[in-house]
Amino acid sequence: MIEAQQWHPVALSDAVVSAPLPVRLLDQELVLWRDAQGQVQAFVDRCPHRGARLSLGRVQDGQLECPYHGWQFASGGQCVKVPAVPAFVPPAKHCVASYGVQEAHGLVWVQLAPDSEGQPATPLPVFEAEADERLRKLNCGPYDVEASAPRIIENFLDMSHFGFVHEGWLGSRDATEMSHYEVEATDRGVKATGCKAIQPQSNLHSTKPAEVDYAYEVTAPYTALLTKVPESGSSKQGWREAIGLFVCPVTPERSRVWFRLAVADFESTDAQLQQFQHTIFTQDQPVLESQMPKPLPLDAKAELNSPADRMSVAYRRYLKASGVTFGVC
């Protein structure tokens, strides 16, 4: 399954502290924990001894301890202690499946299937704005959504719903016409440029409607980026603000969502910026959860399209060409 070779966000980094944390990815139950060196480990959330959930256990002396019989597992998954038989040296087969882990953008990312050489099959999804020291970064979420990951990505790429779902915020019923924008394939996905809209309130400090110019890019099956040049006359004119949408495909019809903001707003508090993003996404959420079928159709004839849907059509073609099967139909 191509999705297993991708890196997926599963938790905020600061949510993995002293206790094991259960998460779910691609219909698999996992447990996250930090070893003695502070590195996050990702194991199957099932003890190989009698099947108890390891997430109900604890971290003891830098090892993950099963709640049932106290078996302890080291980084990498090898069992190193069986308390009922202290002199017993567990053989190599006494282990729990472990997976690749990285921390980036304030999130823990997990890859379920490395390539045959044991190296990551794909790179971590990019977020170039992370390296721009002029921009302020923070995360919003998680949001648990009863919708497939591709449906959530496609919604993020769509501007023609602004005047209806986000009326008075990102759009207006009096200005719903979309101007032409360009779509191109890239070496990591698809990209749309020249995406313009008149927005009543594009940020916390806008006082009048303004035309915004966005670029949208899909950089992995369940990852998308929005970049924006601040409005003309802004003190931060020319800076490339960005929003990253990182979706964890929990099941084919359920997802966990984070937004990563990289903005030139140093006046608002974290809570204010997060509340603005919260308002926008919770306007989207009931519509997303209402869509049927919940998986995203890849058949070109399954749903109707208009010229405004060029980016959506390109995204679906990209998913089909990539061999993605999780969350699509």
C-alpha atoms as a PDB file:
ATOM      1  CA  MET A   1       0.000   0.000   0.000  1.00  0.00           C
ATOM      2  CA  ILE A   2       1.589   3.266  -1.157  1.00  0.00           C
ATOM      3  CA  GLU A   3       0.102   5.140   1.813  1.00  0.00           C
ATOM      4  CA  ALA A   4       2.177   3.062   4.233  1.00  0.00           C
ATOM      5  CA  GLN A   5       5.351   4.399   2.611  1.00  0.00           C
ATOM      6  CA  GLN A   6       4.330   8.002   3.282  1.00  0.00           C
ATOM      7  CA  TRP A   7       5.114   9.947   6.453  1.00  0.00           C
ATOM      8  CA  HIS A   8       1.948  10.844   8.363  1.00  0.00           C
ATOM      9  CA  PRO A   9       1.390  13.184  11.329  1.00  0.00           C
ATOM     10  CA  VAL A  10      -0.064  11.346  14.315  1.00  0.00           C
ATOM     11  CA  ALA A  11       0.338  13.679  17.328  1.00  0.00           C
ATOM     12  CA  LEU A  12       1.679  16.983  18.550  1.00  0.00           C
ATOM     13  CA  SER A  13       5.257  16.579  19.760  1.00  0.00           C
ATOM     14  CA  ASP A  14       4.433  18.063  23.137  1.00  0.00           C
ATOM     15  CA  ALA A  15       1.616  15.521  23.583  1.00  0.00           C
ATOM     16  CA  VAL A  16       4.211  12.725  23.864  1.00  0.00           C
ATOM     17  CA  VAL A  17       5.650  13.230  27.327  1.00  0.00           C
ATOM     18  CA  SER A  18       6.079  10.782  30.218  1.00  0.00           C
ATOM     19  CA  ALA A  19       3.155   8.437  29.535  1.00  0.00           C
ATOM     20  CA  PRO A  20       2.525   6.222  26.488  1.00  0.00           C
ATOM     21  CA  LEU A  21       0.129   7.801  23.976  1.00  0.00           C
ATOM     22  CA  PRO A  22      -2.270   5.710  21.852  1.00  0.00           C
ATOM     23  CA  VAL A  23      -2.817   6.861  18.250  1.00  0.00           C
ATOM     24  CA  ARG A  24      -4.364   5.350  15.141  1.00  0.00           C
ATOM     25  CA  LEU A  25      -2.962   5.512  11.620  1.00  0.00           C
ATOM     26  CA  LEU A  26      -4.219   3.800   8.460  1.00  0.00           C
ATOM     27  CA  ASP A  27      -6.530   1.627  10.573  1.00  0.00           C
ATOM     28  CA  GLN A  28      -3.639   0.464  12.779  1.00  0.00           C
ATOM     29  CA  GLU A  29      -3.467   1.010  16.539  1.00  0.00           C
ATOM     30  CA  LEU A  30      -0.079   2.412  17.614  1.00  0.00           C
ATOM     31  CA  VAL A  31       1.499   3.602  20.833  1.00  0.00           C
ATOM     32  CA  LEU A  32       3.976   6.495  21.054  1.00  0.00           C
ATOM     33  CA  TRP A  33       6.465   6.918  23.902  1.00  0.00           C
ATOM     34  CA  ARG A  34       9.821   8.591  24.611  1.00  0.00           C
ATOM     35  CA  ASP A  35      12.894   6.556  25.462  1.00  0.00           C
ATOM     36  CA  ALA A  36      15.687   7.512  27.884  1.00  0.00           C
ATOM     37  CA  GLN A  37      17.264   9.725  25.198  1.00  0.00           C
ATOM     38  CA  GLY A  38      14.000  11.578  24.619  1.00  0.00           C
ATOM     39  CA  GLN A  39      13.437  10.002  21.208  1.00  0.00           C
ATOM     40  CA  VAL A  40       9.867   9.166  20.247  1.00  0.00           C
ATOM     41  CA  GLN A  41       9.227   5.491  19.529  1.00  0.00           C
ATOM     42  CA  ALA A  42       6.198   4.118  17.635  1.00  0.00           C
ATOM     43  CA  PHE A  43       5.131   0.530  18.357  1.00  0.00           C
ATOM     44  CA  VAL A  44       2.111  -1.584  17.526  1.00  0.00           C
ATOM     45  CA  ASP A  45      -0.231  -1.070  20.486  1.00  0.00           C
ATOM     46  CA  ARG A  46      -0.317  -4.752  21.355  1.00  0.00           C
ATOM     47  CA  CYS A  47       2.001  -6.716  23.585  1.00  0.00           C
ATOM     48  CA  PRO A  48       3.227  -9.830  21.718  1.00  0.00           C
ATOM     49  CA  HIS A  49       2.947 -11.849  24.954  1.00  0.00           C
ATOM     50  CA  ARG A  50      -0.825 -11.835  25.632  1.00  0.00           C
ATOM     51  CA  GLY A  51      -2.135  -9.016  23.469  1.00  0.00           C
ATOM     52  CA  ALA A  52      -2.705  -6.280  26.079  1.00  0.00           C
ATOM     53  CA  ARG A  53      -2.582  -2.657  24.972  1.00  0.00           C
ATOM     54  CA  LEU A  54       0.891  -1.272  25.647  1.00  0.00           C
ATOM     55  CA  SER A  55      -0.591   2.231  25.815  1.00  0.00           C
ATOM     56  CA  LEU A  56      -2.130   1.216  29.182  1.00  0.00           C
ATOM     57  CA  GLY A  57       1.363   0.633  30.545  1.00  0.00           C
ATOM     58  CA  ARG A  58       4.089   3.058  31.539  1.00  0.00           C
ATOM     59  CA  VAL A  59       7.648   4.069  30.731  1.00  0.00           C
ATOM     60  CA  GLN A  60       9.964   2.530  33.298  1.00  0.00           C
ATOM     61  CA  ASP A  61      13.736   3.143  33.317  1.00  0.00           C
ATOM     62  CA  GLY A  62      13.656   4.172  29.656  1.00  0.00           C
ATOM     63  CA  GLN A  63      11.707   1.075  28.569  1.00  0.00           C
ATOM     64  CA  LEU A  64       8.035   0.628  27.682  1.00  0.00           C
ATOM     65  CA  GLU A  65       6.405  -1.617  30.247  1.00  0.00           C
ATOM     66  CA  CYS A  66       3.320  -3.745  29.469  1.00  0.00           C
ATOM     67  CA  PRO A  67       0.464  -3.209  31.988  1.00  0.00           C
ATOM     68  CA  TYR A  68      -0.404  -6.932  32.140  1.00  0.00           C
ATOM     69  CA  HIS A  69       2.766  -8.831  33.080  1.00  0.00           C
ATOM     70  CA  GLY A  70       5.363  -6.056  33.154  1.00  0.00           C
ATOM     71  CA  TRP A  71       7.338  -7.169  30.127  1.00  0.00           C
ATOM     72  CA  GLN A  72       9.642  -4.313  29.124  1.00  0.00           C
ATOM     73  CA  PHE A  73      10.562  -3.297  25.597  1.00  0.00           C
ATOM     74  CA  ALA A  74      13.524  -1.166  24.561  1.00  0.00           C
ATOM     75  CA  SER A  75      13.837   1.298  21.687  1.00  0.00           C
ATOM     76  CA  GLY A  76      13.376  -0.638  18.457  1.00  0.00           C
ATOM     77  CA  GLY A  77      10.934  -3.091  20.047  1.00  0.00           C
ATOM     78  CA  GLN A  78      13.165  -5.782  21.586  1.00  0.00           C
ATOM     79  CA  CYS A  79      11.922  -7.282  24.858  1.00  0.00           C
ATOM     80  CA  VAL A  80      14.604  -6.815  27.515  1.00  0.00           C
ATOM     81  CA  LYS A  81      12.873  -7.950  30.713  1.00  0.00           C
ATOM     82  CA  VAL A  82      10.336 -10.585  31.803  1.00  0.00           C
ATOM     83  CA  PRO A  83       9.743  -9.931  35.535  1.00  0.00           C
ATOM     84  CA  ALA A  84       8.275 -13.402  36.207  1.00  0.00           C
ATOM     85  CA  VAL A  85      11.560 -14.988  35.064  1.00  0.00           C
ATOM     86  CA  PRO A  86      14.343 -12.507  36.005  1.00  0.00           C
ATOM     87  CA  ALA A  87      17.159 -14.704  34.660  1.00  0.00           C
ATOM     88  CA  PHE A  88      15.462 -15.237  31.298  1.00  0.00           C
ATOM     89  CA  VAL A  89      17.190 -13.556  28.352  1.00  0.00           C
ATOM     90  CA  PRO A  90      14.490 -12.824  25.744  1.00  0.00           C
ATOM     91  CA  PRO A  91      15.510 -14.019  22.264  1.00  0.00           C
ATOM     92  CA  ALA A  92      15.319 -11.769  19.202  1.00  0.00           C
ATOM     93  CA  LYS A  93      11.844 -13.039  18.306  1.00  0.00           C
ATOM     94  CA  HIS A  94      10.516 -11.608  21.584  1.00  0.00           C
ATOM     95  CA  CYS A  95       9.841  -8.177  20.171  1.00  0.00           C
ATOM     96  CA  VAL A  96       7.055  -5.800  19.229  1.00  0.00           C
ATOM     97  CA  ALA A  97       6.765  -4.259  15.753  1.00  0.00           C
ATOM     98  CA  SER A  98       8.182  -0.734  15.629  1.00  0.00           C
ATOM     99  CA  TYR A  99       7.989   1.944  12.946  1.00  0.00           C
ATOM    100  CA  GLY A 100       9.921   4.902  11.628  1.00  0.00           C
ATOM    101  CA  VAL A 101       9.446   8.170  13.528  1.00  0.00           C
ATOM    102  CA  GLN A 102      10.431  11.773  12.879  1.00  0.00           C
ATOM    103  CA  GLU A 103       9.609  15.016  14.661  1.00  0.00           C
ATOM    104  CA  ALA A 104       9.058  18.089  12.497  1.00  0.00           C
ATOM    105  CA  HIS A 105       6.818  21.171  12.445  1.00  0.00           C
ATOM    106  CA  GLY A 106       5.808  20.528  16.052  1.00  0.00           C
ATOM    107  CA  LEU A 107       4.383  17.110  15.116  1.00  0.00           C
ATOM    108  CA  VAL A 108       5.317  13.443  15.394  1.00  0.00           C
ATOM    109  CA  TRP A 109       5.354  11.709  11.990  1.00  0.00           C
ATOM    110  CA  VAL A 110       5.201   7.936  11.485  1.00  0.00           C
ATOM    111  CA  GLN A 111       5.970   5.771   8.459  1.00  0.00           C
ATOM    112  CA  LEU A 112       4.574   2.250   8.517  1.00  0.00           C
ATOM    113  CA  ALA A 113       6.520   0.718   5.620  1.00  0.00           C
ATOM    114  CA  PRO A 114      10.162   1.583   4.808  1.00  0.00           C
ATOM    115  CA  ASP A 115      11.647   0.403   1.531  1.00  0.00           C
ATOM    116  CA  SER A 116      13.494  -2.885   1.100  1.00  0.00           C
ATOM    117  CA  GLU A 117      16.819  -1.397   2.180  1.00  0.00           C
ATOM    118  CA  GLY A 118      15.302  -0.116   5.409  1.00  0.00           C
ATOM    119  CA  GLN A 119      15.588   3.521   4.370  1.00  0.00           C
ATOM    120  CA  PRO A 120      12.617   5.910   4.245  1.00  0.00           C
ATOM    121  CA  ALA A 121      10.698   5.266   1.029  1.00  0.00           C
ATOM    122  CA  THR A 122       9.625   8.898   0.745  1.00  0.00           C
ATOM    123  CA  PRO A 123      10.817  12.182   2.263  1.00  0.00           C
ATOM    124  CA  LEU A 124       8.871  14.032   4.913  1.00  0.00           C
ATOM    125  CA  PRO A 125       6.325  16.440   3.339  1.00  0.00           C
ATOM    126  CA  VAL A 126       7.919  19.840   2.874  1.00  0.00           C
ATOM    127  CA  PHE A 127       6.994  23.103   4.595  1.00  0.00           C
ATOM    128  CA  GLU A 128       9.486  25.653   3.271  1.00  0.00           C
ATOM    129  CA  ALA A 129       8.161  28.457   5.480  1.00  0.00           C
ATOM    130  CA  GLU A 130       9.526  26.599   8.505  1.00  0.00           C
ATOM    131  CA  ALA A 131      13.012  27.853   7.625  1.00  0.00           C
ATOM    132  CA  ASP A 132      11.959  31.515   7.305  1.00  0.00           C
ATOM    133  CA  GLU A 133      13.052  33.030  10.611  1.00  0.00           C
ATOM    134  CA  ARG A 134      11.013  36.174   9.924  1.00  0.00           C
ATOM    135  CA  LEU A 135       7.771  34.219  10.249  1.00  0.00           C
ATOM    136  CA  ARG A 136       6.052  33.138  13.413  1.00  0.00           C
ATOM    137  CA  LYS A 137       5.053  29.471  13.579  1.00  0.00           C
ATOM    138  CA  LEU A 138       2.369  27.718  15.574  1.00  0.00           C
ATOM    139  CA  ASN A 139       0.060  24.744  15.253  1.00  0.00           C
ATOM    140  CA  CYS A 140      -3.727  24.582  15.348  1.00  0.00           C
ATOM    141  CA  GLY A 141      -5.562  21.385  16.202  1.00  0.00           C
ATOM    142  CA  PRO A 142      -5.965  18.505  16.313  1.00  0.00           C
ATOM    143  CA  TYR A 143      -9.432  18.257  14.805  1.00  0.00           C
ATOM    144  CA  ASP A 144     -11.113  14.872  14.594  1.00  0.00           C
ATOM    145  CA  VAL A 145     -13.233  14.807  11.457  1.00  0.00           C
ATOM    146  CA  GLU A 146     -15.653  12.190  10.159  1.00  0.00           C
ATOM    147  CA  ALA A 147     -14.396  12.578   6.601  1.00  0.00           C
ATOM    148  CA  SER A 148     -11.708  10.955   4.498  1.00  0.00           C
ATOM    149  CA  ALA A 149      -8.296  12.597   4.297  1.00  0.00           C
ATOM    150  CA  PRO A 150      -8.598  13.291   0.531  1.00  0.00           C
ATOM    151  CA  ARG A 151     -11.966  15.025   1.005  1.00  0.00           C
ATOM    152  CA  ILE A 152     -10.336  17.334   3.572  1.00  0.00           C
ATOM    153  CA  ILE A 153      -7.396  18.122   1.292  1.00  0.00           C
ATOM    154  CA  GLU A 154      -9.686  18.818  -1.654  1.00  0.00           C
ATOM    155  CA  ASN A 155     -11.784  21.214   0.439  1.00  0.00           C
ATOM    156  CA  PHE A 156      -8.621  23.119   1.402  1.00  0.00           C
ATOM    157  CA  LEU A 157      -7.738  23.527  -2.287  1.00  0.00           C
ATOM    158  CA  ASP A 158     -11.198  24.844  -3.210  1.00  0.00           C
ATOM    159  CA  MET A 159     -11.878  28.608  -3.255  1.00  0.00           C
ATOM    160  CA  SER A 160     -15.317  28.566  -4.880  1.00  0.00           C
ATOM    161  CA  HIS A 161     -17.015  27.666  -1.576  1.00  0.00           C
ATOM    162  CA  PHE A 162     -15.698  30.769   0.226  1.00  0.00           C
ATOM    163  CA  GLY A 163     -18.754  32.957  -0.451  1.00  0.00           C
ATOM    164  CA  PHE A 164     -21.114  30.310   0.939  1.00  0.00           C
ATOM    165  CA  VAL A 165     -19.384  28.352   3.696  1.00  0.00           C
ATOM    166  CA  HIS A 166     -17.234  31.287   4.877  1.00  0.00           C
ATOM    167  CA  GLU A 167     -19.554  34.197   4.041  1.00  0.00           C
ATOM    168  CA  GLY A 168     -18.398  37.375   5.751  1.00  0.00           C
ATOM    169  CA  TRP A 169     -14.992  35.870   6.496  1.00  0.00           C
ATOM    170  CA  LEU A 170     -13.169  34.509   3.452  1.00  0.00           C
ATOM    171  CA  GLY A 171     -15.834  35.339   0.890  1.00  0.00           C
ATOM    172  CA  SER A 172     -19.083  37.058  -0.021  1.00  0.00           C
ATOM    173  CA  ARG A 173     -22.168  36.000  -1.965  1.00  0.00           C
ATOM    174  CA  ASP A 174     -21.751  39.241  -3.915  1.00  0.00           C
ATOM    175  CA  ALA A 175     -18.329  38.228  -5.250  1.00  0.00           C
ATOM    176  CA  THR A 176     -18.275  34.524  -6.048  1.00  0.00           C
ATOM    177  CA  GLU A 177     -16.874  34.590  -9.595  1.00  0.00           C
ATOM    178  CA  MET A 178     -13.450  32.965  -9.795  1.00  0.00           C
ATOM    179  CA  SER A 179     -10.811  34.349 -12.111  1.00  0.00           C
ATOM    180  CA  HIS A 180      -8.646  31.987 -14.157  1.00  0.00           C
ATOM    181  CA  TYR A 181      -5.788  30.316 -12.293  1.00  0.00           C
ATOM    182  CA  GLU A 182      -2.988  28.056 -13.473  1.00  0.00           C
ATOM    183  CA  VAL A 183      -2.499  24.415 -12.493  1.00  0.00           C
ATOM    184  CA  GLU A 184       0.661  22.407 -13.060  1.00  0.00           C
ATOM    185  CA  ALA A 185       2.110  19.065 -12.063  1.00  0.00           C
ATOM    186  CA  THR A 186       5.259  19.162  -9.919  1.00  0.00           C
ATOM    187  CA  ASP A 187       7.806  16.537  -8.952  1.00  0.00           C
ATOM    188  CA  ARG A 188       5.993  16.095  -5.640  1.00  0.00           C
ATOM    189  CA  GLY A 189       2.333  16.684  -6.541  1.00  0.00           C
ATOM    190  CA  VAL A 190       0.276  19.482  -8.102  1.00  0.00           C
ATOM    191  CA  LYS A 191       0.266  23.263  -7.739  1.00  0.00           C
ATOM    192  CA  ALA A 192      -2.185  26.087  -8.491  1.00  0.00           C
ATOM    193  CA  THR A 193      -1.047  29.714  -8.832  1.00  0.00           C
ATOM    194  CA  GLY A 194      -2.801  33.014  -9.407  1.00  0.00           C
ATOM    195  CA  CYS A 195      -5.717  32.046  -7.160  1.00  0.00           C
ATOM    196  CA  LYS A 196      -7.362  35.365  -6.376  1.00  0.00           C
ATOM    197  CA  ALA A 197     -10.373  36.269  -4.292  1.00  0.00           C
ATOM    198  CA  ILE A 198     -11.951  39.266  -2.586  1.00  0.00           C
ATOM    199  CA  GLN A 199     -12.078  38.472   1.115  1.00  0.00           C
ATOM    200  CA  PRO A 200     -13.979  40.476   3.755  1.00  0.00           C
ATOM    201  CA  GLN A 201     -11.609  39.284   6.508  1.00  0.00           C
ATOM    202  CA  SER A 202      -8.541  37.395   5.401  1.00  0.00           C
ATOM    203  CA  ASN A 203      -6.811  37.831   8.765  1.00  0.00           C
ATOM    204  CA  LEU A 204      -7.358  39.167  12.271  1.00  0.00           C
ATOM    205  CA  HIS A 205      -6.362  42.718  11.398  1.00  0.00           C
ATOM    206  CA  SER A 206      -8.105  43.331   8.068  1.00  0.00           C
ATOM    207  CA  THR A 207     -10.526  46.256   8.301  1.00  0.00           C
ATOM    208  CA  LYS A 208     -11.941  46.211   4.781  1.00  0.00           C
ATOM    209  CA  PRO A 209     -12.340  43.736   1.916  1.00  0.00           C
ATOM    210  CA  ALA A 210      -9.096  42.989   0.112  1.00  0.00           C
ATOM    211  CA  GLU A 211      -7.996  40.958  -2.882  1.00  0.00           C
ATOM    212  CA  VAL A 212      -5.719  38.105  -1.909  1.00  0.00           C
ATOM    213  CA  ASP A 213      -3.392  36.150  -4.157  1.00  0.00           C
ATOM    214  CA  TYR A 214      -2.812  32.556  -3.100  1.00  0.00           C
ATOM    215  CA  ALA A 215      -0.840  29.579  -4.349  1.00  0.00           C
ATOM    216  CA  TYR A 216      -1.949  26.082  -3.376  1.00  0.00           C
ATOM    217  CA  GLU A 217       0.274  23.032  -3.536  1.00  0.00           C
ATOM    218  CA  VAL A 218      -0.211  19.345  -2.794  1.00  0.00           C
ATOM    219  CA  THR A 219       3.110  17.884  -1.681  1.00  0.00           C
ATOM    220  CA  ALA A 220       1.934  14.415  -0.551  1.00  0.00           C
ATOM    221  CA  PRO A 221      -1.376  12.564  -0.802  1.00  0.00           C
ATOM    222  CA  TYR A 222      -2.680  13.999   2.476  1.00  0.00           C
ATOM    223  CA  THR A 223      -0.654  17.224   2.738  1.00  0.00           C
ATOM    224  CA  ALA A 224      -1.341  20.639   1.208  1.00  0.00           C
ATOM    225  CA  LEU A 225       0.169  24.114   1.468  1.00  0.00           C
ATOM    226  CA  LEU A 226      -1.241  27.585   0.986  1.00  0.00           C
ATOM    227  CA  THR A 227       1.137  30.501   0.477  1.00  0.00           C
ATOM    228  CA  LYS A 228       0.150  34.153   0.439  1.00  0.00           C
ATOM    229  CA  VAL A 229       1.753  37.509  -0.212  1.00  0.00           C
ATOM    230  CA  PRO A 230       0.423  40.069   2.299  1.00  0.00           C
ATOM    231  CA  GLU A 231      -1.886  42.718   0.849  1.00  0.00           C
ATOM    232  CA  SER A 232      -0.366  45.722  -0.886  1.00  0.00           C
ATOM    233  CA  GLY A 233       0.573  48.385   1.628  1.00  0.00           C
ATOM    234  CA  SER A 234       1.149  45.938   4.455  1.00  0.00           C
ATOM    235  CA  SER A 235       4.245  46.495   6.556  1.00  0.00           C
ATOM    236  CA  LYS A 236       5.173  42.900   5.749  1.00  0.00           C
ATOM    237  CA  GLN A 237       4.664  43.267   1.996  1.00  0.00           C
ATOM    238  CA  GLY A 238       6.651  40.668   0.069  1.00  0.00           C
ATOM    239  CA  TRP A 239       6.801  38.095   2.873  1.00  0.00           C
ATOM    240  CA  ARG A 240       5.498  34.646   1.946  1.00  0.00           C
ATOM    241  CA  GLU A 241       3.118  33.644   4.690  1.00  0.00           C
ATOM    242  CA  ALA A 242       1.976  30.024   4.655  1.00  0.00           C
ATOM    243  CA  ILE A 243      -0.498  27.547   6.080  1.00  0.00           C
ATOM    244  CA  GLY A 244       0.284  23.852   6.026  1.00  0.00           C
ATOM    245  CA  LEU A 245      -2.561  21.329   6.218  1.00  0.00           C
ATOM    246  CA  PHE A 246      -1.357  18.007   7.616  1.00  0.00           C
ATOM    247  CA  VAL A 247      -3.932  15.200   7.747  1.00  0.00           C
ATOM    248  CA  CYS A 248      -3.605  11.855   9.504  1.00  0.00           C
ATOM    249  CA  PRO A 249      -5.716   9.197   7.729  1.00  0.00           C
ATOM    250  CA  VAL A 250      -7.092   7.400  10.787  1.00  0.00           C
ATOM    251  CA  THR A 251      -9.538   5.190   8.871  1.00  0.00           C
ATOM    252  CA  PRO A 252     -10.754   5.440   5.272  1.00  0.00           C
ATOM    253  CA  GLU A 253     -13.577   7.695   6.508  1.00  0.00           C
ATOM    254  CA  ARG A 254     -12.114   9.396   9.575  1.00  0.00           C
ATOM    255  CA  SER A 255      -9.174  11.787   9.915  1.00  0.00           C
ATOM    256  CA  ARG A 256      -7.214  13.877  12.384  1.00  0.00           C
ATOM    257  CA  VAL A 257      -6.194  17.338  11.183  1.00  0.00           C
ATOM    258  CA  TRP A 258      -3.554  19.916  12.066  1.00  0.00           C
ATOM    259  CA  PHE A 259      -2.765  23.324  10.575  1.00  0.00           C
ATOM    260  CA  ARG A 260       0.753  24.774  10.763  1.00  0.00           C
ATOM    261  CA  LEU A 261       0.774  28.575  10.521  1.00  0.00           C
ATOM    262  CA  ALA A 262       3.813  30.590   9.408  1.00  0.00           C
ATOM    263  CA  VAL A 263       2.655  34.195   9.594  1.00  0.00           C
ATOM    264  CA  ALA A 264       3.928  37.750   9.816  1.00  0.00           C
ATOM    265  CA  ASP A 265       1.462  38.583  12.587  1.00  0.00           C
ATOM    266  CA  PHE A 266       3.399  39.315  15.776  1.00  0.00           C
ATOM    267  CA  GLU A 267       0.651  41.377  17.406  1.00  0.00           C
ATOM    268  CA  SER A 268      -1.980  38.675  17.997  1.00  0.00           C
ATOM    269  CA  THR A 269      -1.690  36.073  20.723  1.00  0.00           C
ATOM    270  CA  ASP A 270      -1.389  32.364  19.936  1.00  0.00           C
ATOM    271  CA  ALA A 271      -4.941  31.917  21.176  1.00  0.00           C
ATOM    272  CA  GLN A 272      -6.265  34.614  18.829  1.00  0.00           C
ATOM    273  CA  LEU A 273      -4.545  33.124  15.779  1.00  0.00           C
ATOM    274  CA  GLN A 274      -5.713  29.639  16.690  1.00  0.00           C
ATOM    275  CA  GLN A 275      -9.268  30.860  17.262  1.00  0.00           C
ATOM    276  CA  PHE A 276      -9.392  32.467  13.802  1.00  0.00           C
ATOM    277  CA  GLN A 277      -8.266  29.210  12.189  1.00  0.00           C
ATOM    278  CA  HIS A 278     -10.690  27.308  14.405  1.00  0.00           C
ATOM    279  CA  THR A 279     -13.584  29.482  13.222  1.00  0.00           C
ATOM    280  CA  ILE A 280     -12.737  28.874   9.568  1.00  0.00           C
ATOM    281  CA  PHE A 281     -12.271  25.113   9.870  1.00  0.00           C
ATOM    282  CA  THR A 282     -15.345  24.508  12.002  1.00  0.00           C
ATOM    283  CA  GLN A 283     -17.352  26.205   9.256  1.00  0.00           C
ATOM    284  CA  ASP A 284     -15.929  23.614   6.852  1.00  0.00           C
ATOM    285  CA  GLN A 285     -16.311  20.613   9.143  1.00  0.00           C
ATOM    286  CA  PRO A 286     -20.098  19.996   8.985  1.00  0.00           C
ATOM    287  CA  VAL A 287     -20.035  20.263   5.187  1.00  0.00           C
ATOM    288  CA  LEU A 288     -17.089  17.871   4.961  1.00  0.00           C
ATOM    289  CA  GLU A 289     -18.820  15.378   7.224  1.00  0.00           C
ATOM    290  CA  SER A 290     -21.980  15.579   5.102  1.00  0.00           C
ATOM    291  CA  GLN A 291     -20.323  14.664   1.806  1.00  0.00           C
ATOM    292  CA  MET A 292     -21.276  11.352   0.237  1.00  0.00           C
ATOM    293  CA  PRO A 293     -19.637   9.097  -0.481  1.00  0.00           C
ATOM    294  CA  LYS A 294     -17.147   9.766   2.289  1.00  0.00           C
ATOM    295  CA  PRO A 295     -14.203   8.411   0.248  1.00  0.00           C
ATOM    296  CA  LEU A 296     -13.122  10.748  -2.550  1.00  0.00           C
ATOM    297  CA  PRO A 297     -14.232   9.413  -5.978  1.00  0.00           C
ATOM    298  CA  LEU A 298     -11.390   9.138  -8.477  1.00  0.00           C
ATOM    299  CA  ASP A 299     -13.588   8.188 -11.421  1.00  0.00           C
ATOM    300  CA  ALA A 300     -13.808  11.299 -13.607  1.00  0.00           C
ATOM    301  CA  LYS A 301     -17.521  10.647 -14.183  1.00  0.00           C
ATOM    302  CA  ALA A 302     -18.482  10.035 -10.554  1.00  0.00           C
ATOM    303  CA  GLU A 303     -19.121  13.703  -9.753  1.00  0.00           C
ATOM    304  CA  LEU A 304     -19.749  16.773 -11.894  1.00  0.00           C
ATOM    305  CA  ASN A 305     -17.098  19.439 -12.428  1.00  0.00           C
ATOM    306  CA  SER A 306     -16.860  23.019 -13.675  1.00  0.00           C
ATOM    307  CA  PRO A 307     -13.838  25.074 -14.845  1.00  0.00           C
ATOM    308  CA  ALA A 308     -13.511  26.321 -11.244  1.00  0.00           C
ATOM    309  CA  ASP A 309     -12.571  22.778 -10.207  1.00  0.00           C
ATOM    310  CA  ARG A 310      -9.302  22.482 -12.147  1.00  0.00           C
ATOM    311  CA  MET A 311      -7.172  22.041  -9.030  1.00  0.00           C
ATOM    312  CA  SER A 312      -9.558  19.455  -7.591  1.00  0.00           C
ATOM    313  CA  VAL A 313      -9.493  17.476 -10.839  1.00  0.00           C
ATOM    314  CA  ALA A 314      -5.679  17.659 -10.923  1.00  0.00           C
ATOM    315  CA  TYR A 315      -5.503  16.432  -7.311  1.00  0.00           C
ATOM    316  CA  ARG A 316      -7.718  13.445  -8.093  1.00  0.00           C
ATOM    317  CA  ARG A 317      -5.591  12.572 -11.108  1.00  0.00           C
ATOM    318  CA  TYR A 318      -2.470  12.802  -8.955  1.00  0.00           C
ATOM    319  CA  LEU A 319      -3.947  10.430  -6.355  1.00  0.00           C
ATOM    320  CA  LYS A 320      -4.942   7.946  -9.037  1.00  0.00           C
ATOM    321  CA  ALA A 321      -1.525   8.096 -10.733  1.00  0.00           C
ATOM    322  CA  SER A 322       0.187   7.647  -7.346  1.00  0.00           C
ATOM    323  CA  GLY A 323      -1.729   4.457  -6.612  1.00  0.00           C
ATOM    324  CA  VAL A 324      -3.452   5.824  -3.501  1.00  0.00           C
ATOM    325  CA  THR A 325      -6.297   3.595  -2.302  1.00  0.00           C
ATOM    326  CA  PHE A 326      -6.925   4.685   1.312  1.00  0.00           C
ATOM    327  CA  GLY A 327      -9.805   7.180   1.584  1.00  0.00           C
ATOM    328  CA  VAL A 328     -10.706   7.086  -2.112  1.00  0.00           C
ATOM    329  CA  CYS A 329     -13.138   5.093  -4.230  1.00  0.00           C
END
